Amino acid sequence: MRIVPNKILCGLAVLFSSVAFANPGPPPPPVPVLPGLPIDDGICFLLAAAIAYGSYKMYQLKVNKKAPM
């Protein structure tokens, strides 16, 4: 039984090409964080405005309530 050298060369080529392409490159650079943009800076102001608007709407509903006939 004779081993064909062509099959051996193809097998080695597949083996070495998979090793060559499996090597990962360097990781991408990190994304810079934008300075001066805190998330919770105006929460107290927003909460106070929401309470004021809610109480204003409740007052309007109470004043504009129609009397039953």
N, C-alpha and C. Protein backbone atom coordinates (compact mmCIF):
# COMPACT_ATOMS: atom_id res chain seq x y z
N MET A 1 0.85 -1.17 0.00
CA MET A 1 0.00 0.00 0.00
C MET A 1 0.89 1.23 0.00
N ARG A 2 0.65 2.10 -0.96
CA ARG A 2 1.51 3.26 -1.15
C ARG A 2 0.78 4.51 -0.67
N ILE A 3 1.45 5.37 0.13
CA ILE A 3 0.88 6.63 0.62
C ILE A 3 1.20 7.71 -0.40
N VAL A 4 0.19 8.40 -0.82
CA VAL A 4 0.36 9.43 -1.84
C VAL A 4 0.91 10.69 -1.16
N PRO A 5 2.06 11.23 -1.61
CA PRO A 5 2.63 12.42 -0.97
C PRO A 5 1.74 13.65 -1.11
N ASN A 6 0.89 13.66 -2.10
CA ASN A 6 0.01 14.79 -2.29
C ASN A 6 -0.96 14.94 -1.11
N LYS A 7 -1.49 13.83 -0.59
CA LYS A 7 -2.40 13.88 0.56
C LYS A 7 -1.68 14.37 1.82
N ILE A 8 -0.45 13.94 1.98
CA ILE A 8 0.32 14.37 3.16
C ILE A 8 0.59 15.88 3.09
N LEU A 9 0.97 16.37 1.92
CA LEU A 9 1.23 17.81 1.77
C LEU A 9 -0.05 18.63 1.99
N CYS A 10 -1.18 18.15 1.50
CA CYS A 10 -2.45 18.88 1.73
C CYS A 10 -2.81 18.89 3.21
N GLY A 11 -2.61 17.79 3.87
CA GLY A 11 -2.90 17.72 5.30
C GLY A 11 -2.01 18.66 6.11
N LEU A 12 -0.74 18.71 5.77
CA LEU A 12 0.17 19.63 6.46
C LEU A 12 -0.18 21.10 6.16
N ALA A 13 -0.58 21.38 4.94
CA ALA A 13 -0.95 22.75 4.57
C ALA A 13 -2.17 23.20 5.37
N VAL A 14 -3.15 22.33 5.52
CA VAL A 14 -4.35 22.68 6.31
C VAL A 14 -3.97 22.88 7.77
N LEU A 15 -3.13 22.04 8.30
CA LEU A 15 -2.72 22.13 9.70
C LEU A 15 -1.99 23.44 9.97
N PHE A 16 -1.02 23.79 9.13
CA PHE A 16 -0.24 25.00 9.36
C PHE A 16 -1.03 26.28 9.06
N SER A 17 -1.95 26.21 8.11
CA SER A 17 -2.75 27.41 7.83
C SER A 17 -3.72 27.69 8.97
N SER A 18 -4.27 26.64 9.59
CA SER A 18 -5.18 26.88 10.71
C SER A 18 -4.43 27.45 11.91
N VAL A 19 -3.18 27.03 12.11
CA VAL A 19 -2.38 27.57 13.20
C VAL A 19 -2.02 29.03 12.92
N ALA A 20 -1.75 29.35 11.67
CA ALA A 20 -1.35 30.71 11.31
C ALA A 20 -2.52 31.68 11.46
N PHE A 21 -3.72 31.25 11.09
CA PHE A 21 -4.87 32.15 11.16
C PHE A 21 -5.52 32.19 12.55
N ALA A 22 -5.18 31.27 13.42
CA ALA A 22 -5.77 31.23 14.76
C ALA A 22 -5.11 32.23 15.70
N ASN A 23 -3.97 32.80 15.32
CA ASN A 23 -3.27 33.73 16.19
C ASN A 23 -4.01 35.07 16.20
N PRO A 24 -4.59 35.48 17.31
CA PRO A 24 -5.33 36.75 17.33
C PRO A 24 -4.39 37.95 17.37
N GLY A 25 -4.87 39.05 16.84
CA GLY A 25 -4.08 40.28 16.85
C GLY A 25 -4.24 40.99 18.19
N PRO A 26 -3.67 42.17 18.31
CA PRO A 26 -3.80 42.91 19.57
C PRO A 26 -5.24 43.37 19.76
N PRO A 27 -5.67 43.54 21.00
CA PRO A 27 -7.05 43.98 21.25
C PRO A 27 -7.25 45.42 20.78
N PRO A 28 -8.48 45.80 20.47
CA PRO A 28 -8.74 47.17 20.03
C PRO A 28 -8.55 48.15 21.20
N PRO A 29 -8.23 49.39 20.90
CA PRO A 29 -8.04 50.36 21.99
C PRO A 29 -9.36 50.62 22.72
N PRO A 30 -9.30 50.92 24.01
CA PRO A 30 -10.54 51.16 24.76
C PRO A 30 -11.22 52.45 24.31
N VAL A 31 -12.53 52.48 24.45
CA VAL A 31 -13.31 53.65 24.08
C VAL A 31 -13.13 54.71 25.17
N PRO A 32 -12.78 55.94 24.81
CA PRO A 32 -12.57 56.95 25.84
C PRO A 32 -13.91 57.35 26.50
N VAL A 33 -13.86 57.59 27.79
CA VAL A 33 -15.04 58.00 28.54
C VAL A 33 -15.15 59.51 28.43
N LEU A 34 -16.34 59.99 28.11
CA LEU A 34 -16.54 61.43 27.98
C LEU A 34 -16.51 62.09 29.36
N PRO A 35 -15.61 63.02 29.59
CA PRO A 35 -15.53 63.64 30.91
C PRO A 35 -16.64 64.68 31.09
N GLY A 36 -17.04 64.87 32.30
CA GLY A 36 -18.00 65.92 32.64
C GLY A 36 -19.44 65.59 32.32
N LEU A 37 -19.79 64.33 32.17
CA LEU A 37 -21.16 63.96 31.90
C LEU A 37 -21.69 62.99 32.96
N PRO A 38 -21.83 63.44 34.20
CA PRO A 38 -22.36 62.53 35.22
C PRO A 38 -23.85 62.28 34.98
N ILE A 39 -24.30 61.11 35.33
CA ILE A 39 -25.68 60.72 35.07
C ILE A 39 -26.62 61.34 36.10
N ASP A 40 -26.24 61.37 37.35
CA ASP A 40 -27.16 61.76 38.41
C ASP A 40 -26.94 63.19 38.92
N ASP A 41 -26.55 64.10 38.06
CA ASP A 41 -26.26 65.46 38.51
C ASP A 41 -27.53 66.26 38.78
N GLY A 42 -28.60 66.12 38.00
CA GLY A 42 -29.78 66.94 38.15
C GLY A 42 -30.98 66.20 38.68
N ILE A 43 -30.76 65.09 39.39
CA ILE A 43 -31.87 64.28 39.88
C ILE A 43 -32.71 65.04 40.90
N CYS A 44 -32.09 65.77 41.81
CA CYS A 44 -32.86 66.51 42.83
C CYS A 44 -33.73 67.58 42.19
N PHE A 45 -33.19 68.29 41.22
CA PHE A 45 -33.97 69.31 40.52
C PHE A 45 -35.13 68.68 39.76
N LEU A 46 -34.88 67.57 39.09
CA LEU A 46 -35.92 66.88 38.34
C LEU A 46 -37.01 66.35 39.27
N LEU A 47 -36.65 65.83 40.41
CA LEU A 47 -37.63 65.33 41.38
C LEU A 47 -38.47 66.47 41.93
N ALA A 48 -37.85 67.61 42.25
CA ALA A 48 -38.59 68.76 42.76
C ALA A 48 -39.55 69.30 41.69
N ALA A 49 -39.12 69.34 40.43
CA ALA A 49 -39.99 69.81 39.35
C ALA A 49 -41.16 68.85 39.15
N ALA A 50 -40.94 67.56 39.27
CA ALA A 50 -42.01 66.58 39.12
C ALA A 50 -43.03 66.72 40.24
N ILE A 51 -42.58 66.93 41.45
CA ILE A 51 -43.51 67.10 42.57
C ILE A 51 -44.30 68.39 42.41
N ALA A 52 -43.65 69.46 41.99
CA ALA A 52 -44.34 70.74 41.79
C ALA A 52 -45.37 70.62 40.67
N TYR A 53 -45.02 70.00 39.57
CA TYR A 53 -45.96 69.85 38.45
C TYR A 53 -47.13 68.95 38.83
N GLY A 54 -46.86 67.89 39.57
CA GLY A 54 -47.92 66.99 40.01
C GLY A 54 -48.90 67.68 40.94
N SER A 55 -48.39 68.46 41.88
CA SER A 55 -49.28 69.18 42.80
C SER A 55 -50.07 70.26 42.05
N TYR A 56 -49.47 70.91 41.04
CA TYR A 56 -50.18 71.89 40.24
C TYR A 56 -51.33 71.23 39.48
N LYS A 57 -51.08 70.07 38.87
CA LYS A 57 -52.13 69.38 38.13
C LYS A 57 -53.24 68.89 39.06
N MET A 58 -52.89 68.44 40.25
CA MET A 58 -53.91 68.02 41.21
C MET A 58 -54.76 69.21 41.64
N TYR A 59 -54.13 70.37 41.83
CA TYR A 59 -54.87 71.58 42.20
C TYR A 59 -55.81 71.98 41.07
N GLN A 60 -55.35 71.91 39.82
CA GLN A 60 -56.21 72.25 38.69
C GLN A 60 -57.41 71.31 38.60
N LEU A 61 -57.21 70.04 38.81
CA LEU A 61 -58.32 69.08 38.76
C LEU A 61 -59.32 69.36 39.88
N LYS A 62 -58.84 69.77 41.03
CA LYS A 62 -59.73 70.05 42.17
C LYS A 62 -60.53 71.32 41.94
N VAL A 63 -59.91 72.35 41.35
CA VAL A 63 -60.57 73.61 41.13
C VAL A 63 -61.57 73.49 39.98
N ASN A 64 -61.23 72.78 38.93
CA ASN A 64 -62.08 72.70 37.75
C ASN A 64 -63.11 71.58 37.82
N LYS A 65 -63.28 70.98 38.98
CA LYS A 65 -64.22 69.90 39.13
C LYS A 65 -65.64 70.43 38.99
N LYS A 66 -66.44 69.78 38.16
CA LYS A 66 -67.81 70.23 37.97
C LYS A 66 -68.67 69.68 39.10
N ALA A 67 -69.63 70.51 39.50
CA ALA A 67 -70.57 70.10 40.54
C ALA A 67 -71.62 69.16 39.95
N PRO A 68 -72.04 68.14 40.70
CA PRO A 68 -73.07 67.24 40.18
C PRO A 68 -74.43 67.98 40.07
N MET A 69 -75.24 67.59 39.11
CA MET A 69 -76.52 68.25 38.92
C MET A 69 -77.58 67.67 39.80
